[in-house]
C-alpha atoms as a PDB file:
ATOM      1  CA  UNK A   1       0.000   0.000   0.000  1.00  0.00           C
ATOM      2  CA  UNK A   2       1.243   3.458  -0.948  1.00  0.00           C
ATOM      3  CA  UNK A   3      -0.315   6.460   0.765  1.00  0.00           C
ATOM      4  CA  UNK A   4       0.004   9.821  -0.951  1.00  0.00           C
ATOM      5  CA  UNK A   5       0.068  11.929   2.158  1.00  0.00           C
ATOM      6  CA  UNK A   6       0.700  15.316   3.741  1.00  0.00           C
ATOM      7  CA  UNK A   7       1.480  15.380   7.428  1.00  0.00           C
ATOM      8  CA  UNK A   8      -0.950  18.173   8.342  1.00  0.00           C
ATOM      9  CA  UNK A   9      -3.790  17.093   6.081  1.00  0.00           C
ATOM     10  CA  UNK A  10      -6.725  16.144   8.305  1.00  0.00           C
ATOM     11  CA  UNK A  11      -8.046  13.724   5.701  1.00  0.00           C
ATOM     12  CA  UNK A  12      -4.690  11.994   5.304  1.00  0.00           C
ATOM     13  CA  UNK A  13      -4.265  11.897   9.102  1.00  0.00           C
ATOM     14  CA  UNK A  14      -7.582   9.990   9.306  1.00  0.00           C
ATOM     15  CA  UNK A  15      -6.346   7.363   6.875  1.00  0.00           C
ATOM     16  CA  UNK A  16      -3.048   6.948   8.719  1.00  0.00           C
ATOM     17  CA  UNK A  17      -5.010   6.285  11.920  1.00  0.00           C
ATOM     18  CA  UNK A  18      -7.240   3.726  10.193  1.00  0.00           C
ATOM     19  CA  UNK A  19      -4.301   1.902   8.623  1.00  0.00           C
ATOM     20  CA  UNK A  20      -2.552   1.798  11.997  1.00  0.00           C
ATOM     21  CA  UNK A  21      -5.647   0.541  13.840  1.00  0.00           C
ATOM     22  CA  UNK A  22      -5.882  -2.311  11.361  1.00  0.00           C
ATOM     23  CA  UNK A  23      -2.169  -3.069  11.637  1.00  0.00           C
ATOM     24  CA  UNK A  24      -1.585  -2.618   7.912  1.00  0.00           C
ATOM     25  CA  UNK A  25       1.869  -1.810   6.572  1.00  0.00           C
ATOM     26  CA  UNK A  26       2.080   1.051   4.114  1.00  0.00           C
ATOM     27  CA  UNK A  27       4.573   3.403   2.533  1.00  0.00           C
ATOM     28  CA  UNK A  28       4.135   7.177   2.540  1.00  0.00           C
ATOM     29  CA  UNK A  29       4.795   9.540  -0.325  1.00  0.00           C
ATOM     30  CA  UNK A  30       4.714  13.194   0.639  1.00  0.00           C
ATOM     31  CA  UNK A  31       2.634  15.582  -1.448  1.00  0.00           C
ATOM     32  CA  UNK A  32       3.723  19.032  -0.342  1.00  0.00           C
ATOM     33  CA  UNK A  33       0.537  21.072  -0.364  1.00  0.00           C
ATOM     34  CA  UNK A  34       2.206  24.408   0.330  1.00  0.00           C
ATOM     35  CA  UNK A  35       4.312  23.834  -2.798  1.00  0.00           C
ATOM     36  CA  UNK A  36       1.191  22.943  -4.845  1.00  0.00           C
ATOM     37  CA  UNK A  37       2.430  19.432  -5.618  1.00  0.00           C
ATOM     38  CA  UNK A  38      -1.207  18.310  -5.368  1.00  0.00           C
ATOM     39  CA  UNK A  39      -1.835  20.176  -8.638  1.00  0.00           C
ATOM     40  CA  UNK A  40       0.952  18.422 -10.537  1.00  0.00           C
ATOM     41  CA  UNK A  41      -0.073  16.355 -13.587  1.00  0.00           C
ATOM     42  CA  UNK A  42       1.239  13.240 -11.849  1.00  0.00           C
ATOM     43  CA  UNK A  43      -0.940  13.736  -8.798  1.00  0.00           C
ATOM     44  CA  UNK A  44      -3.998  14.818 -10.786  1.00  0.00           C
ATOM     45  CA  UNK A  45      -3.825  11.507 -12.638  1.00  0.00           C
ATOM     46  CA  UNK A  46      -4.244   9.798  -9.258  1.00  0.00           C
ATOM     47  CA  UNK A  47      -6.826  12.206  -7.870  1.00  0.00           C
ATOM     48  CA  UNK A  48      -8.498  14.603 -10.312  1.00  0.00           C
ATOM     49  CA  UNK A  49      -9.612  16.755  -7.363  1.00  0.00           C
ATOM     50  CA  UNK A  50      -6.003  17.488  -6.509  1.00  0.00           C
ATOM     51  CA  UNK A  51      -6.448  16.396  -2.883  1.00  0.00           C
ATOM     52  CA  UNK A  52      -4.722  14.078  -0.462  1.00  0.00           C
ATOM     53  CA  UNK A  53      -4.974  11.344   0.543  1.00  0.00           C
ATOM     54  CA  UNK A  54      -4.807   8.888  -2.292  1.00  0.00           C
ATOM     55  CA  UNK A  55      -4.151   5.239  -1.492  1.00  0.00           C
ATOM     56  CA  UNK A  56      -2.689   2.918  -4.133  1.00  0.00           C
ATOM     57  CA  UNK A  57      -3.295  -0.791  -3.594  1.00  0.00           C
ATOM     58  CA  UNK A  58      -2.419  -3.381  -6.271  1.00  0.00           C
ATOM     59  CA  UNK A  59      -3.234  -1.028  -9.140  1.00  0.00           C
ATOM     60  CA  UNK A  60      -6.341   0.382  -7.455  1.00  0.00           C
ATOM     61  CA  UNK A  61      -6.371   4.084  -6.558  1.00  0.00           C
ATOM     62  CA  UNK A  62      -8.681   5.136  -3.735  1.00  0.00           C
ATOM     63  CA  UNK A  63      -9.503   8.735  -2.801  1.00  0.00           C
ATOM     64  CA  UNK A  64     -11.617  10.533  -0.176  1.00  0.00           C
ATOM     65  CA  UNK A  65     -10.847   9.525   3.405  1.00  0.00           C
ATOM     66  CA  UNK A  66     -14.286   8.130   4.240  1.00  0.00           C
ATOM     67  CA  UNK A  67     -14.326   6.035   1.063  1.00  0.00           C
ATOM     68  CA  UNK A  68     -10.823   4.736   1.798  1.00  0.00           C
ATOM     69  CA  UNK A  69     -11.726   3.791   5.370  1.00  0.00           C
ATOM     70  CA  UNK A  70     -14.935   2.126   4.204  1.00  0.00           C
ATOM     71  CA  UNK A  71     -12.882   0.091   1.689  1.00  0.00           C
ATOM     72  CA  UNK A  72     -10.421  -0.861   4.427  1.00  0.00           C
ATOM     73  CA  UNK A  73     -13.314  -2.059   6.586  1.00  0.00           C
ATOM     74  CA  UNK A  74     -14.668  -4.149   3.723  1.00  0.00           C
ATOM     75  CA  UNK A  75     -11.314  -5.733   2.865  1.00  0.00           C
ATOM     76  CA  UNK A  76      -9.684  -5.874   6.312  1.00  0.00           C
ATOM     77  CA  UNK A  77     -12.635  -6.065   8.722  1.00  0.00           C
ATOM     78  CA  UNK A  78     -10.702  -6.523  11.979  1.00  0.00           C
ATOM     79  CA  UNK A  79     -11.211  -4.287  13.849  1.00  0.00           C
ATOM     80  CA  UNK A  80     -14.433  -2.799  12.505  1.00  0.00           C
ATOM     81  CA  UNK A  81     -14.284   0.980  12.280  1.00  0.00           C
ATOM     82  CA  UNK A  82     -17.767   1.535  10.822  1.00  0.00           C
ATOM     83  CA  UNK A  83     -20.512  -0.476  12.576  1.00  0.00           C
ATOM     84  CA  UNK A  84     -22.354  -3.102  10.549  1.00  0.00           C
ATOM     85  CA  UNK A  85     -25.667  -2.585  12.394  1.00  0.00           C
ATOM     86  CA  UNK A  86     -27.631  -0.096  10.249  1.00  0.00           C
ATOM     87  CA  UNK A  87     -28.692   2.188  13.090  1.00  0.00           C
ATOM     88  CA  UNK A  88     -25.247   2.251  14.687  1.00  0.00           C
ATOM     89  CA  UNK A  89     -23.661   2.749  11.271  1.00  0.00           C
ATOM     90  CA  UNK A  90     -25.883   5.743  10.535  1.00  0.00           C
ATOM     91  CA  UNK A  91     -25.119   7.296  13.929  1.00  0.00           C
ATOM     92  CA  UNK A  92     -21.358   6.817  13.561  1.00  0.00           C
ATOM     93  CA  UNK A  93     -21.249   8.220  10.038  1.00  0.00           C
ATOM     94  CA  UNK A  94     -23.394  11.184  11.087  1.00  0.00           C
ATOM     95  CA  UNK A  95     -20.875  12.022  13.810  1.00  0.00           C
ATOM     96  CA  UNK A  96     -17.963  11.645  11.403  1.00  0.00           C
ATOM     97  CA  UNK A  97     -19.621  13.878   8.838  1.00  0.00           C
ATOM     98  CA  UNK A  98     -20.083  16.707  11.319  1.00  0.00           C
ATOM     99  CA  UNK A  99     -16.331  17.047  10.899  1.00  0.00           C
ATOM    100  CA  UNK A 100     -15.951  15.668   7.386  1.00  0.00           C
ATOM    101  CA  UNK A 101     -18.689  17.740   5.735  1.00  0.00           C
ATOM    102  CA  UNK A 102     -19.504  20.676   7.999  1.00  0.00           C
ATOM    103  CA  UNK A 103     -16.207  21.687   9.624  1.00  0.00           C
ATOM    104  CA  UNK A 104     -13.087  20.566   7.798  1.00  0.00           C
ATOM    105  CA  UNK A 105     -14.026  21.602   4.222  1.00  0.00           C
ATOM    106  CA  UNK A 106     -14.586  25.191   5.363  1.00  0.00           C
ATOM    107  CA  UNK A 107     -11.093  25.405   6.835  1.00  0.00           C
ATOM    108  CA  UNK A 108      -8.804  23.607   4.422  1.00  0.00           C
ATOM    109  CA  UNK A 109      -5.963  25.165   2.478  1.00  0.00           C
ATOM    110  CA  UNK A 110      -7.817  25.991  -0.713  1.00  0.00           C
ATOM    111  CA  UNK A 111     -10.558  27.825   1.208  1.00  0.00           C
ATOM    112  CA  UNK A 112      -8.003  29.751   3.260  1.00  0.00           C
ATOM    113  CA  UNK A 113      -6.209  30.757   0.074  1.00  0.00           C
ATOM    114  CA  UNK A 114      -9.460  31.870  -1.537  1.00  0.00           C
ATOM    115  CA  UNK A 115     -10.427  33.958   1.484  1.00  0.00           C
ATOM    116  CA  UNK A 116      -7.052  35.671   1.368  1.00  0.00           C
ATOM    117  CA  UNK A 117      -6.388  36.084  -2.335  1.00  0.00           C
ATOM    118  CA  UNK A 118      -9.895  36.632  -3.676  1.00  0.00           C
ATOM    119  CA  UNK A 119     -11.742  38.201  -0.746  1.00  0.00           C
ATOM    120  CA  UNK A 120      -8.888  40.054   0.890  1.00  0.00           C
ATOM    121  CA  UNK A 121      -9.221  38.466   4.332  1.00  0.00           C
ATOM    122  CA  UNK A 122      -6.102  38.940   6.428  1.00  0.00           C
ATOM    123  CA  UNK A 123      -4.554  36.222   8.583  1.00  0.00           C
ATOM    124  CA  UNK A 124      -6.490  37.093  11.728  1.00  0.00           C
ATOM    125  CA  UNK A 125      -9.770  37.156   9.812  1.00  0.00           C
ATOM    126  CA  UNK A 126      -8.987  33.759   8.297  1.00  0.00           C
ATOM    127  CA  UNK A 127      -8.089  32.374  11.721  1.00  0.00           C
ATOM    128  CA  UNK A 128     -11.327  33.760  13.189  1.00  0.00           C
ATOM    129  CA  UNK A 129     -13.250  32.034  10.370  1.00  0.00           C
ATOM    130  CA  UNK A 130     -11.515  28.760  11.192  1.00  0.00           C
ATOM    131  CA  UNK A 131     -12.214  29.040  14.915  1.00  0.00           C
ATOM    132  CA  UNK A 132     -15.873  29.861  14.307  1.00  0.00           C
ATOM    133  CA  UNK A 133     -16.609  26.798  12.183  1.00  0.00           C
ATOM    134  CA  UNK A 134     -14.648  24.425  14.382  1.00  0.00           C
ATOM    135  CA  UNK A 135     -16.473  25.645  17.502  1.00  0.00           C
ATOM    136  CA  UNK A 136     -19.865  25.384  15.800  1.00  0.00           C
ATOM    137  CA  UNK A 137     -19.219  21.804  14.693  1.00  0.00           C
ATOM    138  CA  UNK A 138     -17.750  20.814  18.045  1.00  0.00           C
ATOM    139  CA  UNK A 139     -20.831  22.143  19.826  1.00  0.00           C
ATOM    140  CA  UNK A 140     -22.993  19.731  17.870  1.00  0.00           C
ATOM    141  CA  UNK A 141     -20.571  16.843  18.275  1.00  0.00           C
ATOM    142  CA  UNK A 142     -20.302  17.421  22.031  1.00  0.00           C
ATOM    143  CA  UNK A 143     -24.082  17.073  22.253  1.00  0.00           C
ATOM    144  CA  UNK A 144     -23.943  13.867  20.192  1.00  0.00           C
ATOM    145  CA  UNK A 145     -21.215  12.278  22.331  1.00  0.00           C
ATOM    146  CA  UNK A 146     -22.239   9.626  24.814  1.00  0.00           C
ATOM    147  CA  UNK A 147     -20.625   8.779  28.135  1.00  0.00           C
ATOM    148  CA  UNK A 148     -18.357   5.957  26.953  1.00  0.00           C
ATOM    149  CA  UNK A 149     -14.623   6.192  26.344  1.00  0.00           C
ATOM    150  CA  UNK A 150     -14.919   7.021  22.642  1.00  0.00           C
ATOM    151  CA  UNK A 151     -17.456   8.401  20.210  1.00  0.00           C
ATOM    152  CA  UNK A 152     -17.448   4.865  18.816  1.00  0.00           C
ATOM    153  CA  UNK A 153     -18.281   3.356  22.199  1.00  0.00           C
ATOM    154  CA  UNK A 154     -15.864   1.141  24.085  1.00  0.00           C
ATOM    155  CA  UNK A 155     -13.383   1.156  21.210  1.00  0.00           C
ATOM    156  CA  UNK A 156     -12.496   3.911  18.737  1.00  0.00           C
ATOM    157  CA  UNK A 157     -14.372   4.010  15.453  1.00  0.00           C
ATOM    158  CA  UNK A 158     -14.919   6.170  12.421  1.00  0.00           C
ATOM    159  CA  UNK A 159     -16.157   9.204  14.380  1.00  0.00           C
ATOM    160  CA  UNK A 160     -13.055   9.178  16.600  1.00  0.00           C
ATOM    161  CA  UNK A 161     -10.845   8.901  13.524  1.00  0.00           C
ATOM    162  CA  UNK A 162     -12.450  12.095  12.215  1.00  0.00           C
ATOM    163  CA  UNK A 163     -12.441  13.871  15.590  1.00  0.00           C
ATOM    164  CA  UNK A 164      -8.774  13.546  16.512  1.00  0.00           C
ATOM    165  CA  UNK A 165      -7.296  15.358  13.480  1.00  0.00           C
ATOM    166  CA  UNK A 166      -9.837  18.137  13.919  1.00  0.00           C
ATOM    167  CA  UNK A 167      -8.844  18.490  17.568  1.00  0.00           C
ATOM    168  CA  UNK A 168      -5.261  18.894  16.360  1.00  0.00           C
ATOM    169  CA  UNK A 169      -6.450  21.700  14.073  1.00  0.00           C
ATOM    170  CA  UNK A 170      -8.463  23.278  16.877  1.00  0.00           C
ATOM    171  CA  UNK A 171      -5.360  23.537  19.032  1.00  0.00           C
ATOM    172  CA  UNK A 172      -3.290  24.885  16.147  1.00  0.00           C
ATOM    173  CA  UNK A 173      -5.797  27.706  15.722  1.00  0.00           C
ATOM    174  CA  UNK A 174      -6.270  28.236  19.467  1.00  0.00           C
ATOM    175  CA  UNK A 175      -9.939  27.315  19.611  1.00  0.00           C
ATOM    176  CA  UNK A 176     -11.132  27.464  23.263  1.00  0.00           C
ATOM    177  CA  UNK A 177     -12.063  23.918  24.231  1.00  0.00           C
ATOM    178  CA  UNK A 178     -13.580  24.403  27.698  1.00  0.00           C
ATOM    179  CA  UNK A 179     -17.102  24.018  26.286  1.00  0.00           C
ATOM    180  CA  UNK A 180     -16.270  20.558  24.906  1.00  0.00           C
ATOM    181  CA  UNK A 181     -15.134  18.402  27.857  1.00  0.00           C
ATOM    182  CA  UNK A 182     -16.367  15.129  26.354  1.00  0.00           C
ATOM    183  CA  UNK A 183     -14.491  15.751  23.110  1.00  0.00           C
ATOM    184  CA  UNK A 184     -11.329  16.677  25.012  1.00  0.00           C
ATOM    185  CA  UNK A 185     -11.572  13.480  27.078  1.00  0.00           C
ATOM    186  CA  UNK A 186     -12.261  11.313  24.020  1.00  0.00           C
ATOM    187  CA  UNK A 187      -9.351  12.897  22.158  1.00  0.00           C
ATOM    188  CA  UNK A 188      -7.026  12.208  25.085  1.00  0.00           C
ATOM    189  CA  UNK A 189      -8.143   8.580  25.307  1.00  0.00           C
ATOM    190  CA  UNK A 190      -7.623   8.075  21.588  1.00  0.00           C
ATOM    191  CA  UNK A 191      -4.231   9.761  21.483  1.00  0.00           C
ATOM    192  CA  UNK A 192      -3.026   7.449  24.249  1.00  0.00           C
ATOM    193  CA  UNK A 193      -3.396   4.542  21.812  1.00  0.00           C
ATOM    194  CA  UNK A 194      -0.313   3.680  19.722  1.00  0.00           C
ATOM    195  CA  UNK A 195      -2.270   3.675  16.444  1.00  0.00           C
ATOM    196  CA  UNK A 196      -3.345   7.278  16.953  1.00  0.00           C
ATOM    197  CA  UNK A 197      -0.015   8.427  18.382  1.00  0.00           C
ATOM    198  CA  UNK A 198       1.956   7.035  15.433  1.00  0.00           C
ATOM    199  CA  UNK A 199      -0.277   8.898  12.978  1.00  0.00           C
ATOM    200  CA  UNK A 200       0.187  12.306  14.619  1.00  0.00           C
ATOM    201  CA  UNK A 201       1.589  15.003  12.311  1.00  0.00           C
ATOM    202  CA  UNK A 202       4.578  15.475  14.618  1.00  0.00           C
ATOM    203  CA  UNK A 203       5.511  11.843  13.975  1.00  0.00           C
ATOM    204  CA  UNK A 204       5.118  12.030  10.199  1.00  0.00           C
ATOM    205  CA  UNK A 205       6.498  15.484   9.308  1.00  0.00           C
ATOM    206  CA  UNK A 206       9.450  15.450   6.929  1.00  0.00           C
END
């Protein structure tokens, strides 16, 4: 398995966690987003959106973190990251998509660049934008969290895989976290696990 990766990409961070939880060996190839390597012809052949991650497996190219993790669950089902029970599956994916659809896309690099270059937002305005959307999403996710160790229950699942990289972003942008004690506790429990710790951007930066 070859993962086209960038250490600070939330989506790529999710896939690293999933691969680690499943104990799968993989190689990393850095795609330097700040240098626009994601827009190179070579990378666009892998992922026409010009995003990371992309996962190459035996001639197959997979993109979009949720789709990659779903494929990993289907092909390497131990441990399950997305529940098989329909109701539990829907609940877990809903939690994951609070981050994956409603928070992260508003704060990624291409949006930040657009706000700056096209709309004239300065750095503090862009940071305020980021903090606003993270806090709004976290408010909903805090209300959705139960009282078990993880969003996924007694073991981490898809929602935790989406939460942890967004918590990393929240701290980078100095989002106040006092209003989200369950998310802070869940993040701490997850980051204590080797699979999450090994995927951390500080461990994968080049």
